[in-house]
Amino acid sequence: MPAYDLQKAEDLKRTWTDRLVMAKADKPELKRFEGKVGRVVTVNWSGKALVDFSDGAWYDIPASEEYLTPLAPDDPNRAKYDPKANSAQAHPERKS
């Protein structure tokens, strides 16, 4: 089992937590997130960002610009993220 670098984990957490991001769709494993904006909830000790794409689940994606694109404050894609949209609501709206 590899030794954890606590300082690196804390640095990743400080850098990525609460940032709006888009997954890089050129990675086959991230293709399903193409065009979606998510919020990094936290970064775990394995260096993976837990990303909420407002679909009721969190996804662990490496906290790296190789896998995630952080959105600038003036990026128009930020409007795609709806913090209230969540399929895990107590009483979700019915879809017709």
C-alpha atoms as a PDB file:
ATOM      1  CA  MET A   1       0.000   0.000   0.000  1.00  0.00           C
ATOM      2  CA  PRO A   2       1.498   3.366  -0.970  1.00  0.00           C
ATOM      3  CA  ALA A   3       2.245   5.933   1.705  1.00  0.00           C
ATOM      4  CA  TYR A   4      -0.070   8.926   1.663  1.00  0.00           C
ATOM      5  CA  ASP A   5       1.378  12.363   1.139  1.00  0.00           C
ATOM      6  CA  LEU A   6      -0.762  14.344   3.570  1.00  0.00           C
ATOM      7  CA  GLN A   7       0.530  17.716   2.391  1.00  0.00           C
ATOM      8  CA  LYS A   8      -0.230  16.898  -1.246  1.00  0.00           C
ATOM      9  CA  ALA A   9      -3.737  15.749  -0.295  1.00  0.00           C
ATOM     10  CA  GLU A  10      -4.380  18.984   1.619  1.00  0.00           C
ATOM     11  CA  ASP A  11      -3.033  21.063  -1.285  1.00  0.00           C
ATOM     12  CA  LEU A  12      -5.343  19.279  -3.731  1.00  0.00           C
ATOM     13  CA  LYS A  13      -8.268  19.818  -1.377  1.00  0.00           C
ATOM     14  CA  ARG A  14      -7.519  23.550  -1.107  1.00  0.00           C
ATOM     15  CA  THR A  15      -7.078  23.894  -4.872  1.00  0.00           C
ATOM     16  CA  TRP A  16     -10.157  21.990  -6.053  1.00  0.00           C
ATOM     17  CA  THR A  17     -12.874  22.093  -3.357  1.00  0.00           C
ATOM     18  CA  ASP A  18     -15.973  24.126  -4.329  1.00  0.00           C
ATOM     19  CA  ARG A  19     -14.731  24.792  -7.875  1.00  0.00           C
ATOM     20  CA  LEU A  20     -17.015  24.396 -10.857  1.00  0.00           C
ATOM     21  CA  VAL A  21     -15.462  22.034 -13.385  1.00  0.00           C
ATOM     22  CA  MET A  22     -16.076  20.200 -16.632  1.00  0.00           C
ATOM     23  CA  ALA A  23     -14.705  16.707 -17.190  1.00  0.00           C
ATOM     24  CA  LYS A  24     -12.423  16.304 -20.193  1.00  0.00           C
ATOM     25  CA  ALA A  25     -14.485  14.276 -22.658  1.00  0.00           C
ATOM     26  CA  ASP A  26     -11.404  13.197 -24.621  1.00  0.00           C
ATOM     27  CA  LYS A  27     -10.898  10.588 -21.889  1.00  0.00           C
ATOM     28  CA  PRO A  28     -13.132   7.595 -22.765  1.00  0.00           C
ATOM     29  CA  GLU A  29     -14.061   7.026 -19.115  1.00  0.00           C
ATOM     30  CA  LEU A  30     -15.319  10.642 -18.829  1.00  0.00           C
ATOM     31  CA  LYS A  31     -17.221  10.807 -22.139  1.00  0.00           C
ATOM     32  CA  ARG A  32     -20.571  10.449 -20.302  1.00  0.00           C
ATOM     33  CA  PHE A  33     -19.970  13.821 -18.595  1.00  0.00           C
ATOM     34  CA  GLU A  34     -19.432  15.702 -21.864  1.00  0.00           C
ATOM     35  CA  GLY A  35     -21.032  19.155 -21.720  1.00  0.00           C
ATOM     36  CA  LYS A  36     -21.956  18.851 -18.022  1.00  0.00           C
ATOM     37  CA  VAL A  37     -20.751  21.202 -15.317  1.00  0.00           C
ATOM     38  CA  GLY A  38     -20.110  19.861 -11.831  1.00  0.00           C
ATOM     39  CA  ARG A  39     -18.973  21.152  -8.449  1.00  0.00           C
ATOM     40  CA  VAL A  40     -16.054  19.570  -6.626  1.00  0.00           C
ATOM     41  CA  VAL A  41     -17.442  18.692  -3.200  1.00  0.00           C
ATOM     42  CA  THR A  42     -14.073  17.645  -1.767  1.00  0.00           C
ATOM     43  CA  VAL A  43     -10.911  15.719  -2.611  1.00  0.00           C
ATOM     44  CA  ASN A  44     -10.336  12.354  -0.942  1.00  0.00           C
ATOM     45  CA  TRP A  45      -7.054  10.985   0.418  1.00  0.00           C
ATOM     46  CA  SER A  46      -6.482   9.127  -2.862  1.00  0.00           C
ATOM     47  CA  GLY A  47      -6.305  12.437  -4.747  1.00  0.00           C
ATOM     48  CA  LYS A  48      -9.685  12.043  -6.419  1.00  0.00           C
ATOM     49  CA  ALA A  49     -12.153  14.903  -6.643  1.00  0.00           C
ATOM     50  CA  LEU A  50     -15.706  14.003  -5.627  1.00  0.00           C
ATOM     51  CA  VAL A  51     -17.734  15.822  -8.262  1.00  0.00           C
ATOM     52  CA  ASP A  52     -21.467  16.551  -8.055  1.00  0.00           C
ATOM     53  CA  PHE A  53     -23.012  16.878 -11.519  1.00  0.00           C
ATOM     54  CA  SER A  54     -26.470  17.624  -9.999  1.00  0.00           C
ATOM     55  CA  ASP A  55     -27.776  14.160 -10.800  1.00  0.00           C
ATOM     56  CA  GLY A  56     -27.990  12.731  -7.290  1.00  0.00           C
ATOM     57  CA  ALA A  57     -24.562  11.077  -7.272  1.00  0.00           C
ATOM     58  CA  TRP A  58     -20.954  12.057  -6.692  1.00  0.00           C
ATOM     59  CA  TYR A  59     -18.240  10.796  -9.009  1.00  0.00           C
ATOM     60  CA  ASP A  60     -14.574  10.335  -8.126  1.00  0.00           C
ATOM     61  CA  ILE A  61     -12.352  11.775 -10.829  1.00  0.00           C
ATOM     62  CA  PRO A  62      -8.617  12.426 -10.459  1.00  0.00           C
ATOM     63  CA  ALA A  63      -8.090  15.981  -9.178  1.00  0.00           C
ATOM     64  CA  SER A  64      -5.902  17.047 -12.060  1.00  0.00           C
ATOM     65  CA  GLU A  65      -6.172  19.353 -15.057  1.00  0.00           C
ATOM     66  CA  GLU A  66      -5.486  16.244 -17.127  1.00  0.00           C
ATOM     67  CA  TYR A  67      -9.030  15.091 -16.225  1.00  0.00           C
ATOM     68  CA  LEU A  68     -10.902  18.226 -15.125  1.00  0.00           C
ATOM     69  CA  THR A  69     -11.157  21.734 -16.529  1.00  0.00           C
ATOM     70  CA  PRO A  70     -11.773  24.385 -13.843  1.00  0.00           C
ATOM     71  CA  LEU A  71     -14.195  27.066 -15.022  1.00  0.00           C
ATOM     72  CA  ALA A  72     -13.184  30.716 -14.823  1.00  0.00           C
ATOM     73  CA  PRO A  73     -15.563  33.101 -12.997  1.00  0.00           C
ATOM     74  CA  ASP A  74     -16.679  34.605 -16.322  1.00  0.00           C
ATOM     75  CA  ASP A  75     -17.070  31.282 -18.185  1.00  0.00           C
ATOM     76  CA  PRO A  76     -20.577  31.081 -19.728  1.00  0.00           C
ATOM     77  CA  ASN A  77     -20.680  27.339 -18.987  1.00  0.00           C
ATOM     78  CA  ARG A  78     -21.091  28.163 -15.279  1.00  0.00           C
ATOM     79  CA  ALA A  79     -24.776  28.863 -16.002  1.00  0.00           C
ATOM     80  CA  LYS A  80     -25.246  25.148 -16.778  1.00  0.00           C
ATOM     81  CA  TYR A  81     -24.700  24.201 -13.127  1.00  0.00           C
ATOM     82  CA  ASP A  82     -27.877  24.216 -11.049  1.00  0.00           C
ATOM     83  CA  PRO A  83     -27.114  23.502  -7.379  1.00  0.00           C
ATOM     84  CA  LYS A  84     -30.792  22.768  -6.711  1.00  0.00           C
ATOM     85  CA  ALA A  85     -31.195  20.207  -9.506  1.00  0.00           C
ATOM     86  CA  ASN A  86     -30.815  16.823  -7.905  1.00  0.00           C
ATOM     87  CA  SER A  87     -32.483  13.501  -8.611  1.00  0.00           C
ATOM     88  CA  ALA A  88     -32.104  12.513  -4.955  1.00  0.00           C
ATOM     89  CA  GLN A  89     -34.703  14.957  -3.634  1.00  0.00           C
ATOM     90  CA  ALA A  90     -37.198  13.806  -1.013  1.00  0.00           C
ATOM     91  CA  HIS A  91     -40.114  14.520  -3.372  1.00  0.00           C
ATOM     92  CA  PRO A  92     -38.788  14.982  -6.913  1.00  0.00           C
ATOM     93  CA  GLU A  93     -40.915  16.604  -9.587  1.00  0.00           C
ATOM     94  CA  ARG A  94     -42.689  14.075 -11.805  1.00  0.00           C
ATOM     95  CA  LYS A  95     -41.563  13.976 -15.394  1.00  0.00           C
ATOM     96  CA  SER A  96     -44.276  13.676 -18.043  1.00  0.00           C
END
